[in-house]
Structures are given as structure tokens and as C-alpha cells.
């Protein structure tokens, strides 16, 4: 959805089709078509170094589905703030949530220009609920919260979902403080669902290093302990912060091919 602040010409300028971008590379790894040759080239280079990376991409999507089903079905959440949305694929947050509770309201946040171009695909809400898209950077939590408040009721609990986004943030930008700032704007009874890549696999470390040398935006793998620190002060839902594949796995065996290279958790803000 276009807005006065993001004219079409500016979107074209921001696309940078001569350099790979994370959302487009991720889209390629998930088998999507919303990417450019430079993105598919980097995607293939990643797969050459770390062939299991496509499985990692699918793993993140499966965790999102499990987390949303828990949040809506067991925790009773009806509002979501999804930061680092990425390009639309099957089973987006609003589809998952509104399938269980049609009145669910979802705000997507991303600053990738191609995601902005495709925002209309994300904004297909059920009649009972609502969807909105905010073109903003996770490093600007105040703006995100102000824009999200136009769609979400911050007097009621909100689920903050952050999948793969904290790896986009350098240490200099203090990622843990950004998470805290976002949570500070949400009421008691809200949840954080977060998953991010870890530096525990040397092949993945090398693949990310190769990606960072070519990409317009770098990715920062961290230790499992560092990722777990984003949940400080919250009450973790069982089984805690664990390998993403192990967070409330389903019985279909669909994650058996995924290597242990990321961790995930869901936690309650009291």
C-alpha cells in the first residue's frame, strides 16, 4: 500500500536491484518468485556453502505457525505486532490468527521496499478483524508503536513477533534495548515470540560471512545465550528458549531435515 511518505519513485530508488536484500534472498530460499537475479545468485551461493539453509527458512515459518496457534488458541491473544514481516508467503500471521479468531488485528512492520510494494497482499483481512502495514525500521520503536496504535488497542494484550529480525541489527544498535523499548509500549498480558539464528554451526557462519560480503545489509549471528537474553524480565512459556525445531514440535516430522542453527521462545509480559 502506497502512502504519501513513500512515493513510487522513492520505492524504485530504494529497491537497489543491483545488490541482494535479505527479504528477497529469503524469498528465493523459500521457493518464492519475488526476487531478482542478484538475490537468487546469492541464495545459490549460500546453498553451496550451507545446503540446509532452505530447511532453516522453512523452520522459521513453521515456528511462526506454532507460536501464533498457541498465542491465539491457548493464550487468547487477538492482536499482533509482526516486525520484520518479509515478503508475503503462504500462512502469514493474519491468515494463521484469523483462521482461529477472525476478529484478530495484525500490524505488519518492515522497511524493505519490495515488501512495501507487495503490502496490499498482506492487507487482506477478514471482515471482522483488521490488517495494517507500517513502513518502518526496527531501530525506531517509538515510530512503530505510534503507527501501530492506529490499528491496535494498546490497553489490551498484544503479541510482538520478531522472527529473524534481530540478526539484522548490529551490536552498535543495541538489539536487546530495542526489544525492551518495544515491549515497554505494550500492556501487561502481552507476549514476545522471537526466533533468531545462532553462531553454533561453522558452515552457517561461513555462509553468512559470504552473504555479508555481497549484501546491502549484513546479518549478525549470535550465541544462543545472547538470543535468550532478549527475553530477560519475561515469564517464558514452556519449553523456554530452545532450538527452534524443538519449540512445541508437531508430530508430522516436517522439521526433521532442519539443522540446529537457531533458537526460539515465547514469553509473557506480566
C-alpha atoms as a PDB file:
ATOM      1  CA  UNK A   1       0.000   0.000   0.000  1.00  0.00           C
ATOM      2  CA  UNK A   2       1.474   3.295  -1.087  1.00  0.00           C
ATOM      3  CA  UNK A   3       1.409   6.275   1.220  1.00  0.00           C
ATOM      4  CA  UNK A   4       2.304   9.978   0.818  1.00  0.00           C
ATOM      5  CA  UNK A   5       5.544   9.361   2.690  1.00  0.00           C
ATOM      6  CA  UNK A   6       6.662   6.651   0.252  1.00  0.00           C
ATOM      7  CA  UNK A   7       6.081   7.774  -3.363  1.00  0.00           C
ATOM      8  CA  UNK A   8       6.549   5.208  -6.113  1.00  0.00           C
ATOM      9  CA  UNK A   9       9.764   6.829  -7.383  1.00  0.00           C
ATOM     10  CA  UNK A  10      11.296   6.627  -3.924  1.00  0.00           C
ATOM     11  CA  UNK A  11      10.385   2.936  -3.750  1.00  0.00           C
ATOM     12  CA  UNK A  12      12.197   2.302  -7.039  1.00  0.00           C
ATOM     13  CA  UNK A  13      15.261   4.129  -5.748  1.00  0.00           C
ATOM     14  CA  UNK A  14      15.268   2.051  -2.550  1.00  0.00           C
ATOM     15  CA  UNK A  15      14.931  -1.301  -4.297  1.00  0.00           C
ATOM     16  CA  UNK A  16      18.659  -1.429  -5.197  1.00  0.00           C
ATOM     17  CA  UNK A  17      18.174  -4.272  -7.663  1.00  0.00           C
ATOM     18  CA  UNK A  18      21.933  -4.420  -8.235  1.00  0.00           C
ATOM     19  CA  UNK A  19      22.534  -5.638  -4.657  1.00  0.00           C
ATOM     20  CA  UNK A  20      20.932  -8.540  -2.777  1.00  0.00           C
ATOM     21  CA  UNK A  21      18.493  -7.796   0.018  1.00  0.00           C
ATOM     22  CA  UNK A  22      17.652 -10.134   2.862  1.00  0.00           C
ATOM     23  CA  UNK A  23      13.875 -10.331   2.305  1.00  0.00           C
ATOM     24  CA  UNK A  24      14.363 -11.150  -1.372  1.00  0.00           C
ATOM     25  CA  UNK A  25      17.101 -13.733  -0.710  1.00  0.00           C
ATOM     26  CA  UNK A  26      14.880 -15.296   1.964  1.00  0.00           C
ATOM     27  CA  UNK A  27      12.014 -15.346  -0.535  1.00  0.00           C
ATOM     28  CA  UNK A  28      14.230 -17.191  -3.013  1.00  0.00           C
ATOM     29  CA  UNK A  29      15.241 -19.747  -0.375  1.00  0.00           C
ATOM     30  CA  UNK A  30      11.556 -20.343   0.385  1.00  0.00           C
ATOM     31  CA  UNK A  31      10.882 -21.009  -3.291  1.00  0.00           C
ATOM     32  CA  UNK A  32       9.218 -17.656  -3.999  1.00  0.00           C
ATOM     33  CA  UNK A  33       9.375 -15.541  -7.145  1.00  0.00           C
ATOM     34  CA  UNK A  34       9.642 -12.053  -5.613  1.00  0.00           C
ATOM     35  CA  UNK A  35      13.385 -11.667  -6.091  1.00  0.00           C
ATOM     36  CA  UNK A  36      15.925 -10.507  -8.645  1.00  0.00           C
ATOM     37  CA  UNK A  37      18.821 -12.368 -10.306  1.00  0.00           C
ATOM     38  CA  UNK A  38      21.288 -10.851  -7.837  1.00  0.00           C
ATOM     39  CA  UNK A  39      19.231 -12.320  -4.972  1.00  0.00           C
ATOM     40  CA  UNK A  40      18.994 -15.794  -6.497  1.00  0.00           C
ATOM     41  CA  UNK A  41      22.753 -15.762  -7.170  1.00  0.00           C
ATOM     42  CA  UNK A  42      23.458 -15.068  -3.512  1.00  0.00           C
ATOM     43  CA  UNK A  43      20.847 -17.627  -2.497  1.00  0.00           C
ATOM     44  CA  UNK A  44      22.593 -20.271  -4.581  1.00  0.00           C
ATOM     45  CA  UNK A  45      25.962 -19.278  -3.130  1.00  0.00           C
ATOM     46  CA  UNK A  46      24.529 -19.706   0.384  1.00  0.00           C
ATOM     47  CA  UNK A  47      23.142 -23.124  -0.510  1.00  0.00           C
ATOM     48  CA  UNK A  48      26.509 -24.164  -1.921  1.00  0.00           C
ATOM     49  CA  UNK A  49      28.179 -23.341   1.385  1.00  0.00           C
ATOM     50  CA  UNK A  50      25.304 -24.478   3.596  1.00  0.00           C
ATOM     51  CA  UNK A  51      22.824 -26.689   1.691  1.00  0.00           C
ATOM     52  CA  UNK A  52      20.493 -26.952   4.684  1.00  0.00           C
ATOM     53  CA  UNK A  53      19.706 -23.224   4.626  1.00  0.00           C
ATOM     54  CA  UNK A  54      16.436 -23.722   2.752  1.00  0.00           C
ATOM     55  CA  UNK A  55      15.359 -26.045   5.571  1.00  0.00           C
ATOM     56  CA  UNK A  56      16.235 -23.302   8.068  1.00  0.00           C
ATOM     57  CA  UNK A  57      13.981 -20.877   6.172  1.00  0.00           C
ATOM     58  CA  UNK A  58      11.096 -23.338   6.311  1.00  0.00           C
ATOM     59  CA  UNK A  59      11.781 -23.943  10.004  1.00  0.00           C
ATOM     60  CA  UNK A  60      11.204 -20.263  10.824  1.00  0.00           C
ATOM     61  CA  UNK A  61       7.835 -20.313   9.052  1.00  0.00           C
ATOM     62  CA  UNK A  62       6.772 -23.436  10.933  1.00  0.00           C
ATOM     63  CA  UNK A  63       7.711 -21.869  14.256  1.00  0.00           C
ATOM     64  CA  UNK A  64       5.599 -18.821  13.356  1.00  0.00           C
ATOM     65  CA  UNK A  65       2.613 -21.085  12.732  1.00  0.00           C
ATOM     66  CA  UNK A  66       3.054 -22.958  16.014  1.00  0.00           C
ATOM     67  CA  UNK A  67       3.585 -19.762  18.001  1.00  0.00           C
ATOM     68  CA  UNK A  68       0.551 -17.990  16.518  1.00  0.00           C
ATOM     69  CA  UNK A  69      -1.655 -21.007  17.138  1.00  0.00           C
ATOM     70  CA  UNK A  70      -0.518 -21.058  20.773  1.00  0.00           C
ATOM     71  CA  UNK A  71      -0.984 -17.318  21.206  1.00  0.00           C
ATOM     72  CA  UNK A  72      -4.463 -17.247  19.716  1.00  0.00           C
ATOM     73  CA  UNK A  73      -5.738 -20.646  20.814  1.00  0.00           C
ATOM     74  CA  UNK A  74      -4.236 -21.014  24.304  1.00  0.00           C
ATOM     75  CA  UNK A  75      -3.213 -17.503  25.381  1.00  0.00           C
ATOM     76  CA  UNK A  76      -6.283 -15.756  23.936  1.00  0.00           C
ATOM     77  CA  UNK A  77      -4.299 -13.081  22.089  1.00  0.00           C
ATOM     78  CA  UNK A  78      -6.215 -11.156  19.425  1.00  0.00           C
ATOM     79  CA  UNK A  79      -3.633  -8.526  18.436  1.00  0.00           C
ATOM     80  CA  UNK A  80      -0.255  -8.969  16.752  1.00  0.00           C
ATOM     81  CA  UNK A  81       2.634  -6.629  16.017  1.00  0.00           C
ATOM     82  CA  UNK A  82       4.733  -8.529  13.459  1.00  0.00           C
ATOM     83  CA  UNK A  83       8.128  -6.860  12.973  1.00  0.00           C
ATOM     84  CA  UNK A  84      10.368  -7.964  10.132  1.00  0.00           C
ATOM     85  CA  UNK A  85       7.453  -9.224   8.090  1.00  0.00           C
ATOM     86  CA  UNK A  86       9.325 -10.131   4.943  1.00  0.00           C
ATOM     87  CA  UNK A  87       7.659 -10.834   1.623  1.00  0.00           C
ATOM     88  CA  UNK A  88       4.219 -12.424   1.650  1.00  0.00           C
ATOM     89  CA  UNK A  89       4.163 -16.211   1.521  1.00  0.00           C
ATOM     90  CA  UNK A  90       1.599 -18.812   2.473  1.00  0.00           C
ATOM     91  CA  UNK A  91       0.466 -18.823   6.096  1.00  0.00           C
ATOM     92  CA  UNK A  92       1.154 -15.210   7.040  1.00  0.00           C
ATOM     93  CA  UNK A  93       0.428 -14.093  10.603  1.00  0.00           C
ATOM     94  CA  UNK A  94      -3.014 -12.664   9.861  1.00  0.00           C
ATOM     95  CA  UNK A  95      -4.073 -15.804   8.000  1.00  0.00           C
ATOM     96  CA  UNK A  96      -2.987 -18.034  10.876  1.00  0.00           C
ATOM     97  CA  UNK A  97      -4.574 -15.864  13.563  1.00  0.00           C
ATOM     98  CA  UNK A  98      -7.825 -15.049  11.784  1.00  0.00           C
ATOM     99  CA  UNK A  99      -8.396 -18.690  10.867  1.00  0.00           C
ATOM    100  CA  UNK A 100      -8.837 -19.324  14.609  1.00  0.00           C
ATOM    101  CA  UNK A 101     -10.181 -15.907  15.671  1.00  0.00           C
ATOM    102  CA  UNK A 102     -11.473 -13.844  12.715  1.00  0.00           C
ATOM    103  CA  UNK A 103     -11.572 -10.702  14.857  1.00  0.00           C
ATOM    104  CA  UNK A 104      -7.774 -10.682  15.234  1.00  0.00           C
ATOM    105  CA  UNK A 105      -5.960  -7.452  14.360  1.00  0.00           C
ATOM    106  CA  UNK A 106      -2.458  -7.511  12.881  1.00  0.00           C
ATOM    107  CA  UNK A 107       0.079  -4.787  12.134  1.00  0.00           C
ATOM    108  CA  UNK A 108       2.995  -5.763   9.907  1.00  0.00           C
ATOM    109  CA  UNK A 109       6.243  -3.769  10.078  1.00  0.00           C
ATOM    110  CA  UNK A 110       9.119  -3.864   7.601  1.00  0.00           C
ATOM    111  CA  UNK A 111      11.399  -1.370   5.891  1.00  0.00           C
ATOM    112  CA  UNK A 112      12.217  -3.390   2.778  1.00  0.00           C
ATOM    113  CA  UNK A 113      10.897  -1.508  -0.269  1.00  0.00           C
ATOM    114  CA  UNK A 114       9.783  -4.653  -2.097  1.00  0.00           C
ATOM    115  CA  UNK A 115       7.724  -5.649   0.935  1.00  0.00           C
ATOM    116  CA  UNK A 116       6.083  -2.224   0.684  1.00  0.00           C
ATOM    117  CA  UNK A 117       5.255  -2.832  -2.971  1.00  0.00           C
ATOM    118  CA  UNK A 118       3.576  -6.107  -2.000  1.00  0.00           C
ATOM    119  CA  UNK A 119       1.843  -4.718   1.105  1.00  0.00           C
ATOM    120  CA  UNK A 120      -1.603  -4.960  -0.448  1.00  0.00           C
ATOM    121  CA  UNK A 121      -1.206  -8.745  -0.462  1.00  0.00           C
ATOM    122  CA  UNK A 122      -0.734  -8.633   3.306  1.00  0.00           C
ATOM    123  CA  UNK A 123      -3.692  -6.382   3.957  1.00  0.00           C
ATOM    124  CA  UNK A 124      -6.403  -8.910   3.086  1.00  0.00           C
ATOM    125  CA  UNK A 125      -8.059  -9.100   6.470  1.00  0.00           C
ATOM    126  CA  UNK A 126     -11.180 -10.946   7.476  1.00  0.00           C
ATOM    127  CA  UNK A 127     -14.193  -8.602   7.699  1.00  0.00           C
ATOM    128  CA  UNK A 128     -14.249  -8.981  11.495  1.00  0.00           C
ATOM    129  CA  UNK A 129     -10.561  -8.153  12.008  1.00  0.00           C
ATOM    130  CA  UNK A 130      -8.014  -5.710  10.627  1.00  0.00           C
ATOM    131  CA  UNK A 131      -4.565  -5.609   8.999  1.00  0.00           C
ATOM    132  CA  UNK A 132      -2.214  -2.689   8.521  1.00  0.00           C
ATOM    133  CA  UNK A 133       1.322  -2.214   7.253  1.00  0.00           C
ATOM    134  CA  UNK A 134       3.924   0.158   8.695  1.00  0.00           C
ATOM    135  CA  UNK A 135       6.969   1.069   6.623  1.00  0.00           C
ATOM    136  CA  UNK A 136       9.479   1.498   9.452  1.00  0.00           C
ATOM    137  CA  UNK A 137      12.803   0.278  10.779  1.00  0.00           C
ATOM    138  CA  UNK A 138      13.005  -1.804  13.958  1.00  0.00           C
ATOM    139  CA  UNK A 139      15.580   0.737  15.177  1.00  0.00           C
ATOM    140  CA  UNK A 140      12.745   3.262  15.522  1.00  0.00           C
ATOM    141  CA  UNK A 141      10.494   1.652  18.164  1.00  0.00           C
ATOM    142  CA  UNK A 142       8.746   4.905  19.061  1.00  0.00           C
ATOM    143  CA  UNK A 143       7.509   5.377  15.493  1.00  0.00           C
ATOM    144  CA  UNK A 144       6.495   1.732  15.210  1.00  0.00           C
ATOM    145  CA  UNK A 145       4.419   1.914  18.378  1.00  0.00           C
ATOM    146  CA  UNK A 146       2.820   5.213  17.376  1.00  0.00           C
ATOM    147  CA  UNK A 147       1.816   3.890  13.958  1.00  0.00           C
ATOM    148  CA  UNK A 148       0.674   0.521  15.302  1.00  0.00           C
ATOM    149  CA  UNK A 149      -1.581   2.273  17.824  1.00  0.00           C
ATOM    150  CA  UNK A 150      -3.738   3.431  14.902  1.00  0.00           C
ATOM    151  CA  UNK A 151      -4.841  -0.198  14.406  1.00  0.00           C
ATOM    152  CA  UNK A 152      -4.130  -1.943  17.718  1.00  0.00           C
ATOM    153  CA  UNK A 153      -5.650  -1.194  21.117  1.00  0.00           C
ATOM    154  CA  UNK A 154      -2.693  -0.900  23.483  1.00  0.00           C
ATOM    155  CA  UNK A 155      -4.946  -1.181  26.504  1.00  0.00           C
ATOM    156  CA  UNK A 156      -5.305  -4.870  25.574  1.00  0.00           C
ATOM    157  CA  UNK A 157      -2.557  -7.521  25.220  1.00  0.00           C
ATOM    158  CA  UNK A 158      -0.503  -7.669  22.036  1.00  0.00           C
ATOM    159  CA  UNK A 159       1.791 -10.398  20.731  1.00  0.00           C
ATOM    160  CA  UNK A 160       5.078  -8.977  19.460  1.00  0.00           C
ATOM    161  CA  UNK A 161       6.560 -11.376  16.885  1.00  0.00           C
ATOM    162  CA  UNK A 162      10.180 -10.968  15.784  1.00  0.00           C
ATOM    163  CA  UNK A 163      11.438 -13.793  13.575  1.00  0.00           C
ATOM    164  CA  UNK A 164      14.927 -13.460  12.161  1.00  0.00           C
ATOM    165  CA  UNK A 165      14.876  -9.687  12.554  1.00  0.00           C
ATOM    166  CA  UNK A 166      17.354  -9.232  15.421  1.00  0.00           C
ATOM    167  CA  UNK A 167      20.131 -10.731  13.331  1.00  0.00           C
ATOM    168  CA  UNK A 168      19.678  -7.742  11.023  1.00  0.00           C
ATOM    169  CA  UNK A 169      20.715  -5.435  13.885  1.00  0.00           C
ATOM    170  CA  UNK A 170      24.351  -4.804  14.709  1.00  0.00           C
ATOM    171  CA  UNK A 171      25.657  -4.743  18.275  1.00  0.00           C
ATOM    172  CA  UNK A 172      26.186  -0.994  17.895  1.00  0.00           C
ATOM    173  CA  UNK A 173      22.408  -0.559  17.619  1.00  0.00           C
ATOM    174  CA  UNK A 174      21.875  -2.400  20.941  1.00  0.00           C
ATOM    175  CA  UNK A 175      19.350  -5.029  19.846  1.00  0.00           C
ATOM    176  CA  UNK A 176      18.300  -6.030  23.369  1.00  0.00           C
ATOM    177  CA  UNK A 177      17.385  -2.414  24.146  1.00  0.00           C
ATOM    178  CA  UNK A 178      15.230  -2.248  21.014  1.00  0.00           C
ATOM    179  CA  UNK A 179      13.267  -5.308  22.139  1.00  0.00           C
ATOM    180  CA  UNK A 180      12.853  -3.780  25.596  1.00  0.00           C
ATOM    181  CA  UNK A 181      11.653  -0.472  24.141  1.00  0.00           C
ATOM    182  CA  UNK A 182       9.005  -2.218  22.055  1.00  0.00           C
ATOM    183  CA  UNK A 183       7.822  -4.323  24.987  1.00  0.00           C
ATOM    184  CA  UNK A 184       7.695  -1.249  27.211  1.00  0.00           C
ATOM    185  CA  UNK A 185       4.960   0.140  24.972  1.00  0.00           C
ATOM    186  CA  UNK A 186       2.790  -2.962  25.343  1.00  0.00           C
ATOM    187  CA  UNK A 187       0.485  -3.692  28.293  1.00  0.00           C
ATOM    188  CA  UNK A 188       0.732  -6.495  30.828  1.00  0.00           C
ATOM    189  CA  UNK A 189      -0.524  -9.764  29.388  1.00  0.00           C
ATOM    190  CA  UNK A 190       1.359  -9.196  26.126  1.00  0.00           C
ATOM    191  CA  UNK A 191       3.758 -11.759  24.684  1.00  0.00           C
ATOM    192  CA  UNK A 192       7.056 -11.841  22.820  1.00  0.00           C
ATOM    193  CA  UNK A 193       7.619 -14.585  20.221  1.00  0.00           C
ATOM    194  CA  UNK A 194      11.166 -14.471  18.884  1.00  0.00           C
ATOM    195  CA  UNK A 195      13.442 -16.728  16.879  1.00  0.00           C
ATOM    196  CA  UNK A 196      16.884 -15.946  15.514  1.00  0.00           C
ATOM    197  CA  UNK A 197      19.916 -17.631  14.009  1.00  0.00           C
ATOM    198  CA  UNK A 198      22.850 -18.648  16.178  1.00  0.00           C
ATOM    199  CA  UNK A 199      26.590 -18.916  15.603  1.00  0.00           C
ATOM    200  CA  UNK A 200      26.759 -22.555  16.685  1.00  0.00           C
ATOM    201  CA  UNK A 201      27.296 -24.045  13.204  1.00  0.00           C
ATOM    202  CA  UNK A 202      30.549 -23.297  11.353  1.00  0.00           C
ATOM    203  CA  UNK A 203      29.070 -23.962   7.908  1.00  0.00           C
ATOM    204  CA  UNK A 204      26.310 -21.451   8.597  1.00  0.00           C
ATOM    205  CA  UNK A 205      28.868 -18.957   9.911  1.00  0.00           C
ATOM    206  CA  UNK A 206      30.749 -19.210   6.611  1.00  0.00           C
ATOM    207  CA  UNK A 207      27.556 -18.886   4.562  1.00  0.00           C
ATOM    208  CA  UNK A 208      26.549 -15.735   6.438  1.00  0.00           C
ATOM    209  CA  UNK A 209      30.062 -14.320   6.045  1.00  0.00           C
ATOM    210  CA  UNK A 210      29.816 -14.812   2.269  1.00  0.00           C
ATOM    211  CA  UNK A 211      26.367 -13.217   2.263  1.00  0.00           C
ATOM    212  CA  UNK A 212      27.564 -10.203   4.260  1.00  0.00           C
ATOM    213  CA  UNK A 213      30.354  -9.567   1.769  1.00  0.00           C
ATOM    214  CA  UNK A 214      27.833  -9.164  -1.056  1.00  0.00           C
ATOM    215  CA  UNK A 215      24.673  -7.827   0.549  1.00  0.00           C
ATOM    216  CA  UNK A 216      23.386  -4.312   1.085  1.00  0.00           C
ATOM    217  CA  UNK A 217      22.517  -5.297   4.658  1.00  0.00           C
ATOM    218  CA  UNK A 218      24.518  -7.610   6.907  1.00  0.00           C
ATOM    219  CA  UNK A 219      23.348 -10.397   9.206  1.00  0.00           C
ATOM    220  CA  UNK A 220      24.742 -10.943  12.698  1.00  0.00           C
ATOM    221  CA  UNK A 221      24.660 -14.428  14.177  1.00  0.00           C
ATOM    222  CA  UNK A 222      24.804 -14.555  17.982  1.00  0.00           C
ATOM    223  CA  UNK A 223      25.171 -17.194  20.650  1.00  0.00           C
ATOM    224  CA  UNK A 224      22.051 -18.951  21.959  1.00  0.00           C
ATOM    225  CA  UNK A 225      22.651 -17.223  25.292  1.00  0.00           C
ATOM    226  CA  UNK A 226      22.631 -13.787  23.649  1.00  0.00           C
ATOM    227  CA  UNK A 227      19.354 -14.514  21.878  1.00  0.00           C
ATOM    228  CA  UNK A 228      17.870 -15.817  25.133  1.00  0.00           C
ATOM    229  CA  UNK A 229      18.781 -12.514  26.808  1.00  0.00           C
ATOM    230  CA  UNK A 230      16.083 -10.755  24.734  1.00  0.00           C
ATOM    231  CA  UNK A 231      13.528 -12.468  26.992  1.00  0.00           C
ATOM    232  CA  UNK A 232      15.013 -11.060  30.215  1.00  0.00           C
ATOM    233  CA  UNK A 233      12.314  -9.968  32.656  1.00  0.00           C
ATOM    234  CA  UNK A 234       9.584 -12.015  30.960  1.00  0.00           C
ATOM    235  CA  UNK A 235       7.946 -15.285  32.007  1.00  0.00           C
ATOM    236  CA  UNK A 236       8.956 -17.920  29.477  1.00  0.00           C
ATOM    237  CA  UNK A 237       6.339 -20.321  28.174  1.00  0.00           C
ATOM    238  CA  UNK A 238       7.405 -23.972  28.295  1.00  0.00           C
ATOM    239  CA  UNK A 239       9.757 -25.302  26.995  1.00  0.00           C
ATOM    240  CA  UNK A 240      11.672 -21.984  27.284  1.00  0.00           C
ATOM    241  CA  UNK A 241      14.274 -20.777  24.796  1.00  0.00           C
ATOM    242  CA  UNK A 242      15.225 -23.881  22.856  1.00  0.00           C
ATOM    243  CA  UNK A 243      16.360 -24.856  19.356  1.00  0.00           C
ATOM    244  CA  UNK A 244      13.611 -23.602  17.046  1.00  0.00           C
ATOM    245  CA  UNK A 245      12.856 -27.103  15.835  1.00  0.00           C
ATOM    246  CA  UNK A 246      12.206 -28.145  19.454  1.00  0.00           C
ATOM    247  CA  UNK A 247       9.714 -25.430  20.415  1.00  0.00           C
ATOM    248  CA  UNK A 248       6.453 -27.369  20.786  1.00  0.00           C
ATOM    249  CA  UNK A 249       7.147 -29.552  17.732  1.00  0.00           C
ATOM    250  CA  UNK A 250       4.288 -31.117  15.860  1.00  0.00           C
ATOM    251  CA  UNK A 251       4.024 -34.814  15.106  1.00  0.00           C
ATOM    252  CA  UNK A 252       4.191 -34.532  11.323  1.00  0.00           C
ATOM    253  CA  UNK A 253       8.010 -34.752  11.306  1.00  0.00           C
ATOM    254  CA  UNK A 254       8.185 -31.770   8.962  1.00  0.00           C
ATOM    255  CA  UNK A 255      11.239 -30.303  10.711  1.00  0.00           C
ATOM    256  CA  UNK A 256      13.368 -33.436  10.783  1.00  0.00           C
ATOM    257  CA  UNK A 257      15.610 -32.147   7.980  1.00  0.00           C
ATOM    258  CA  UNK A 258      16.397 -28.830   9.713  1.00  0.00           C
ATOM    259  CA  UNK A 259      19.792 -28.365  11.373  1.00  0.00           C
ATOM    260  CA  UNK A 260      20.108 -26.894  14.854  1.00  0.00           C
ATOM    261  CA  UNK A 261      21.160 -23.342  13.935  1.00  0.00           C
ATOM    262  CA  UNK A 262      18.553 -21.125  15.614  1.00  0.00           C
ATOM    263  CA  UNK A 263      16.698 -20.784  18.898  1.00  0.00           C
ATOM    264  CA  UNK A 264      13.168 -19.642  19.683  1.00  0.00           C
ATOM    265  CA  UNK A 265      10.936 -18.829  22.583  1.00  0.00           C
ATOM    266  CA  UNK A 266       7.632 -17.300  23.616  1.00  0.00           C
ATOM    267  CA  UNK A 267       7.273 -15.320  26.839  1.00  0.00           C
ATOM    268  CA  UNK A 268       4.659 -13.366  28.777  1.00  0.00           C
ATOM    269  CA  UNK A 269       4.982  -9.798  29.987  1.00  0.00           C
ATOM    270  CA  UNK A 270       3.404  -9.543  33.448  1.00  0.00           C
END
